[in-house]
Amino acid sequence: MQNGDSVTNKPCDRNILRTLELISEMIELANIGDIEREDTGCGILYGMLRDSAYKLKKIAEQEKENHIKKG
């Protein structure tokens, strides 16, 4: 990984970028699901999904930075 989101040929770097894409989808789904929910059970579900996504995002972004520093 270099210069932000530029992809190298290394599978580990591509996997981190794919993980970040999935996390974005998780956040989007949680936001939509929360808006469209009809009961509190769904609110809990989408709240947990959003919370998990942000926790994963923090870890994935740190790992991305570690890979950038390593070169």
C-alpha atoms as a PDB file:
ATOM      1  CA  MET A   1       0.000   0.000   0.000  1.00  0.00           C
ATOM      2  CA  GLN A   2       1.220   3.459  -0.851  1.00  0.00           C
ATOM      3  CA  ASN A   3      -0.214   6.974  -0.858  1.00  0.00           C
ATOM      4  CA  GLY A   4      -3.521   6.265   0.807  1.00  0.00           C
ATOM      5  CA  ASP A   5      -5.593   3.703  -1.058  1.00  0.00           C
ATOM      6  CA  SER A   6      -3.207   2.737  -3.849  1.00  0.00           C
ATOM      7  CA  VAL A   7      -3.182  -1.028  -4.073  1.00  0.00           C
ATOM      8  CA  THR A   8      -0.024  -3.050  -4.273  1.00  0.00           C
ATOM      9  CA  ASN A   9       0.179  -6.542  -5.652  1.00  0.00           C
ATOM     10  CA  LYS A  10       0.340  -7.930  -2.139  1.00  0.00           C
ATOM     11  CA  PRO A  11      -2.748  -9.929  -1.201  1.00  0.00           C
ATOM     12  CA  CYS A  12      -2.557  -8.735   2.402  1.00  0.00           C
ATOM     13  CA  ASP A  13      -2.888  -5.099   1.262  1.00  0.00           C
ATOM     14  CA  ARG A  14      -5.787  -5.889  -1.055  1.00  0.00           C
ATOM     15  CA  ASN A  15      -7.503  -7.726   1.786  1.00  0.00           C
ATOM     16  CA  ILE A  16      -7.241  -4.699   4.065  1.00  0.00           C
ATOM     17  CA  LEU A  17      -8.763  -2.465   1.398  1.00  0.00           C
ATOM     18  CA  ARG A  18     -11.561  -4.987   0.808  1.00  0.00           C
ATOM     19  CA  THR A  19     -12.173  -5.097   4.557  1.00  0.00           C
ATOM     20  CA  LEU A  20     -12.520  -1.313   4.611  1.00  0.00           C
ATOM     21  CA  GLU A  21     -15.025  -1.551   1.740  1.00  0.00           C
ATOM     22  CA  LEU A  22     -17.076  -4.106   3.670  1.00  0.00           C
ATOM     23  CA  ILE A  23     -16.974  -1.895   6.746  1.00  0.00           C
ATOM     24  CA  SER A  24     -18.380   0.993   4.707  1.00  0.00           C
ATOM     25  CA  GLU A  25     -21.193  -1.277   3.567  1.00  0.00           C
ATOM     26  CA  MET A  26     -21.852  -2.306   7.178  1.00  0.00           C
ATOM     27  CA  ILE A  27     -22.140   1.331   8.257  1.00  0.00           C
ATOM     28  CA  GLU A  28     -24.415   2.157   5.334  1.00  0.00           C
ATOM     29  CA  LEU A  29     -26.674  -0.829   6.064  1.00  0.00           C
ATOM     30  CA  ALA A  30     -26.822   0.058   9.768  1.00  0.00           C
ATOM     31  CA  ASN A  31     -27.857   3.623   8.940  1.00  0.00           C
ATOM     32  CA  ILE A  32     -30.524   2.549   6.449  1.00  0.00           C
ATOM     33  CA  GLY A  33     -31.769  -0.238   8.683  1.00  0.00           C
ATOM     34  CA  ASP A  34     -32.044   2.107  11.634  1.00  0.00           C
ATOM     35  CA  ILE A  35     -34.098   4.595   9.604  1.00  0.00           C
ATOM     36  CA  GLU A  36     -36.415   1.895   8.253  1.00  0.00           C
ATOM     37  CA  ARG A  37     -36.782  -0.234  11.401  1.00  0.00           C
ATOM     38  CA  GLU A  38     -40.146  -0.960  12.921  1.00  0.00           C
ATOM     39  CA  ASP A  39     -39.189  -2.133  16.404  1.00  0.00           C
ATOM     40  CA  THR A  40     -36.551  -1.846  19.113  1.00  0.00           C
ATOM     41  CA  GLY A  41     -35.076  -5.278  18.344  1.00  0.00           C
ATOM     42  CA  CYS A  42     -33.979  -4.037  14.953  1.00  0.00           C
ATOM     43  CA  GLY A  43     -32.653  -0.875  16.588  1.00  0.00           C
ATOM     44  CA  ILE A  44     -30.425  -3.021  18.783  1.00  0.00           C
ATOM     45  CA  LEU A  45     -29.302  -5.069  15.780  1.00  0.00           C
ATOM     46  CA  TYR A  46     -28.364  -2.051  13.690  1.00  0.00           C
ATOM     47  CA  GLY A  47     -26.746  -0.316  16.645  1.00  0.00           C
ATOM     48  CA  MET A  48     -24.549  -3.363  17.200  1.00  0.00           C
ATOM     49  CA  LEU A  49     -23.738  -3.550  13.492  1.00  0.00           C
ATOM     50  CA  ARG A  50     -22.699   0.122  13.450  1.00  0.00           C
ATOM     51  CA  ASP A  51     -20.665  -0.215  16.653  1.00  0.00           C
ATOM     52  CA  SER A  52     -18.882  -3.306  15.346  1.00  0.00           C
ATOM     53  CA  ALA A  53     -18.147  -1.603  12.035  1.00  0.00           C
ATOM     54  CA  TYR A  54     -16.502   1.380  13.725  1.00  0.00           C
ATOM     55  CA  LYS A  55     -14.400  -0.892  15.944  1.00  0.00           C
ATOM     56  CA  LEU A  56     -13.275  -2.883  12.915  1.00  0.00           C
ATOM     57  CA  LYS A  57     -12.609   0.317  10.972  1.00  0.00           C
ATOM     58  CA  LYS A  58     -10.225   1.565  13.637  1.00  0.00           C
ATOM     59  CA  ILE A  59      -8.267  -1.694  13.581  1.00  0.00           C
ATOM     60  CA  ALA A  60      -8.216  -1.937   9.772  1.00  0.00           C
ATOM     61  CA  GLU A  61      -7.055   1.657   9.345  1.00  0.00           C
ATOM     62  CA  GLN A  62      -4.259   1.117  11.861  1.00  0.00           C
ATOM     63  CA  GLU A  63      -3.176  -2.015  10.030  1.00  0.00           C
ATOM     64  CA  LYS A  64      -3.263  -0.123   6.739  1.00  0.00           C
ATOM     65  CA  GLU A  65      -0.988   2.537   8.218  1.00  0.00           C
ATOM     66  CA  ASN A  66       1.376  -0.161   9.500  1.00  0.00           C
ATOM     67  CA  HIS A  67       1.619  -1.608   5.999  1.00  0.00           C
ATOM     68  CA  ILE A  68       2.259   1.829   4.493  1.00  0.00           C
ATOM     69  CA  LYS A  69       5.075   2.467   6.972  1.00  0.00           C
ATOM     70  CA  LYS A  70       6.645  -0.920   6.202  1.00  0.00           C
ATOM     71  CA  GLY A  71       6.586  -0.103   2.504  1.00  0.00           C
END
